[in-house]
N, C-alpha and C. Protein backbone atom coordinates (compact mmCIF):
# COMPACT_ATOMS: atom_id res chain seq x y z
N MET A 1 -9.79 25.97 -19.16
CA MET A 1 -8.61 25.33 -19.71
C MET A 1 -7.64 24.98 -18.57
N PRO A 2 -7.06 23.76 -18.59
CA PRO A 2 -6.17 23.37 -17.49
C PRO A 2 -4.85 24.14 -17.54
N LYS A 3 -4.14 24.07 -16.42
CA LYS A 3 -2.83 24.72 -16.37
C LYS A 3 -1.88 24.06 -17.36
N MET A 4 -0.93 24.85 -17.87
CA MET A 4 0.10 24.28 -18.75
C MET A 4 1.13 23.56 -17.89
N LYS A 5 1.56 22.41 -18.35
CA LYS A 5 2.58 21.67 -17.61
C LYS A 5 3.96 22.10 -18.07
N THR A 6 4.87 22.17 -17.13
CA THR A 6 6.25 22.51 -17.42
C THR A 6 6.99 21.25 -17.84
N LYS A 7 7.81 21.35 -18.89
CA LYS A 7 8.69 20.24 -19.26
C LYS A 7 9.87 20.28 -18.31
N ARG A 8 9.91 19.33 -17.39
CA ARG A 8 10.89 19.36 -16.31
C ARG A 8 12.33 19.29 -16.84
N ALA A 9 12.54 18.55 -17.91
CA ALA A 9 13.90 18.45 -18.47
C ALA A 9 14.40 19.82 -18.91
N ALA A 10 13.52 20.61 -19.52
CA ALA A 10 13.91 21.95 -19.97
C ALA A 10 14.10 22.88 -18.79
N ALA A 11 13.26 22.76 -17.77
CA ALA A 11 13.36 23.64 -16.61
C ALA A 11 14.68 23.45 -15.87
N LYS A 12 15.20 22.23 -15.88
CA LYS A 12 16.45 21.96 -15.19
C LYS A 12 17.65 22.47 -15.97
N ARG A 13 17.51 22.65 -17.26
CA ARG A 13 18.64 23.01 -18.11
C ARG A 13 18.71 24.48 -18.48
N LEU A 14 17.60 25.20 -18.35
CA LEU A 14 17.55 26.59 -18.81
C LEU A 14 17.42 27.56 -17.65
N LYS A 15 18.05 28.72 -17.80
CA LYS A 15 17.88 29.82 -16.86
C LYS A 15 17.54 31.05 -17.71
N VAL A 16 16.97 32.06 -17.05
CA VAL A 16 16.60 33.28 -17.76
C VAL A 16 17.48 34.42 -17.29
N THR A 17 17.96 35.23 -18.22
CA THR A 17 18.74 36.41 -17.87
C THR A 17 17.79 37.52 -17.44
N ALA A 18 18.36 38.61 -16.95
CA ALA A 18 17.54 39.73 -16.49
C ALA A 18 16.74 40.35 -17.64
N SER A 19 17.29 40.28 -18.86
CA SER A 19 16.59 40.86 -20.00
C SER A 19 15.60 39.89 -20.63
N GLY A 20 15.50 38.66 -20.09
CA GLY A 20 14.51 37.71 -20.56
C GLY A 20 15.01 36.71 -21.58
N LYS A 21 16.31 36.73 -21.88
CA LYS A 21 16.86 35.75 -22.82
C LYS A 21 17.13 34.45 -22.08
N LEU A 22 17.20 33.35 -22.82
CA LEU A 22 17.46 32.05 -22.22
C LEU A 22 18.94 31.73 -22.28
N LYS A 23 19.41 31.09 -21.20
CA LYS A 23 20.82 30.76 -21.06
C LYS A 23 20.93 29.25 -20.87
N ARG A 24 22.00 28.65 -21.39
CA ARG A 24 22.19 27.21 -21.25
C ARG A 24 23.67 26.92 -21.06
N HIS A 25 23.97 25.75 -20.52
CA HIS A 25 25.35 25.29 -20.41
C HIS A 25 25.64 24.33 -21.55
N SER A 26 26.89 24.27 -21.94
CA SER A 26 27.31 23.39 -23.04
C SER A 26 27.40 21.95 -22.56
N GLY A 27 27.28 21.04 -23.49
CA GLY A 27 27.50 19.64 -23.21
C GLY A 27 28.96 19.29 -23.46
N TRP A 28 29.25 18.01 -23.63
CA TRP A 28 30.58 17.51 -23.99
C TRP A 28 31.62 17.76 -22.89
N LYS A 29 31.20 17.81 -21.63
CA LYS A 29 32.18 18.09 -20.58
C LYS A 29 32.09 17.07 -19.45
N SER A 30 31.58 15.88 -19.70
CA SER A 30 31.41 14.94 -18.60
C SER A 30 32.54 13.92 -18.52
N HIS A 31 33.12 13.54 -19.64
CA HIS A 31 34.20 12.54 -19.60
C HIS A 31 35.07 12.70 -20.83
N LEU A 32 36.14 11.92 -20.90
CA LEU A 32 37.14 11.99 -21.99
C LEU A 32 37.73 13.39 -22.10
N LEU A 33 38.04 13.99 -20.94
CA LEU A 33 38.52 15.37 -20.95
C LEU A 33 40.01 15.47 -21.29
N GLU A 34 40.75 14.37 -21.15
CA GLU A 34 42.18 14.43 -21.46
C GLU A 34 42.42 14.74 -22.92
N ALA A 35 41.52 14.29 -23.77
CA ALA A 35 41.69 14.50 -25.21
C ALA A 35 41.35 15.92 -25.63
N LYS A 36 40.62 16.64 -24.80
CA LYS A 36 40.20 18.00 -25.15
C LYS A 36 41.25 18.99 -24.65
N SER A 37 41.48 20.01 -25.43
CA SER A 37 42.50 21.00 -25.06
C SER A 37 42.02 21.83 -23.87
N PRO A 38 42.96 22.38 -23.08
CA PRO A 38 42.57 23.21 -21.94
C PRO A 38 41.71 24.40 -22.35
N LYS A 39 42.00 24.97 -23.50
CA LYS A 39 41.21 26.11 -23.98
C LYS A 39 39.76 25.69 -24.23
N ARG A 40 39.59 24.52 -24.83
CA ARG A 40 38.24 24.01 -25.11
C ARG A 40 37.49 23.70 -23.83
N ARG A 41 38.18 23.09 -22.85
CA ARG A 41 37.54 22.77 -21.58
C ARG A 41 37.13 24.05 -20.84
N ARG A 42 37.97 25.06 -20.91
CA ARG A 42 37.68 26.33 -20.26
C ARG A 42 36.45 26.99 -20.88
N ARG A 43 36.34 26.92 -22.20
CA ARG A 43 35.18 27.52 -22.88
C ARG A 43 33.90 26.75 -22.62
N LEU A 44 34.00 25.44 -22.37
CA LEU A 44 32.82 24.63 -22.08
C LEU A 44 32.25 24.92 -20.69
N ARG A 45 33.06 25.52 -19.81
CA ARG A 45 32.58 25.86 -18.47
C ARG A 45 31.51 26.94 -18.50
N LYS A 46 31.65 27.85 -19.44
CA LYS A 46 30.79 29.03 -19.44
C LYS A 46 29.43 28.74 -20.07
N ALA A 47 28.44 29.46 -19.61
CA ALA A 47 27.10 29.35 -20.18
C ALA A 47 27.03 30.18 -21.46
N SER A 48 26.12 29.81 -22.35
CA SER A 48 25.94 30.58 -23.57
C SER A 48 24.45 30.86 -23.75
N LEU A 49 24.16 31.86 -24.55
CA LEU A 49 22.76 32.22 -24.81
C LEU A 49 22.19 31.34 -25.90
N ILE A 50 20.91 31.08 -25.81
CA ILE A 50 20.21 30.33 -26.85
C ILE A 50 19.88 31.30 -27.97
N SER A 51 19.99 30.85 -29.20
CA SER A 51 19.77 31.74 -30.34
C SER A 51 18.35 32.29 -30.34
N ALA A 52 18.20 33.46 -30.92
CA ALA A 52 16.91 34.15 -30.94
C ALA A 52 15.86 33.33 -31.68
N ALA A 53 16.29 32.55 -32.67
CA ALA A 53 15.35 31.74 -33.45
C ALA A 53 14.73 30.62 -32.61
N ASP A 54 15.48 30.10 -31.64
CA ASP A 54 14.99 28.99 -30.82
C ASP A 54 14.26 29.45 -29.56
N GLN A 55 14.39 30.71 -29.19
CA GLN A 55 13.82 31.17 -27.92
C GLN A 55 12.31 30.98 -27.81
N PRO A 56 11.50 31.35 -28.82
CA PRO A 56 10.04 31.18 -28.66
C PRO A 56 9.64 29.72 -28.44
N ARG A 57 10.31 28.81 -29.14
CA ARG A 57 10.00 27.39 -29.02
C ARG A 57 10.34 26.87 -27.63
N LEU A 58 11.47 27.29 -27.08
CA LEU A 58 11.88 26.80 -25.77
C LEU A 58 11.13 27.48 -24.64
N LYS A 59 10.65 28.71 -24.84
CA LYS A 59 9.87 29.37 -23.79
C LYS A 59 8.52 28.69 -23.59
N LYS A 60 8.02 28.02 -24.62
CA LYS A 60 6.75 27.28 -24.47
C LYS A 60 6.93 26.05 -23.57
N LEU A 61 8.12 25.49 -23.54
CA LEU A 61 8.36 24.31 -22.72
C LEU A 61 8.34 24.63 -21.23
N VAL A 62 8.75 25.86 -20.91
CA VAL A 62 8.79 26.28 -19.51
C VAL A 62 8.00 27.59 -19.41
N PRO A 63 6.70 27.51 -19.19
CA PRO A 63 5.83 28.68 -19.28
C PRO A 63 6.16 29.79 -18.30
N TYR A 64 6.66 29.45 -17.10
CA TYR A 64 6.88 30.49 -16.10
C TYR A 64 8.17 31.25 -16.33
N LEU A 65 9.01 30.81 -17.27
CA LEU A 65 10.27 31.54 -17.52
C LEU A 65 10.02 32.81 -18.29
């Protein structure tokens, strides 16, 4: 059986925590920032965990994670 190919788009967007959970950054932070409140912009800076329901599906996209 051939090697599994990595989905490059997913590999660039996801990181793995030490416990094996997937981490992602939020969108909506590239432009039109004047309309967004400072609190909202500050919260968009931080990474968030991917829900447990989506983790198995996304781990298949990036096999080495």
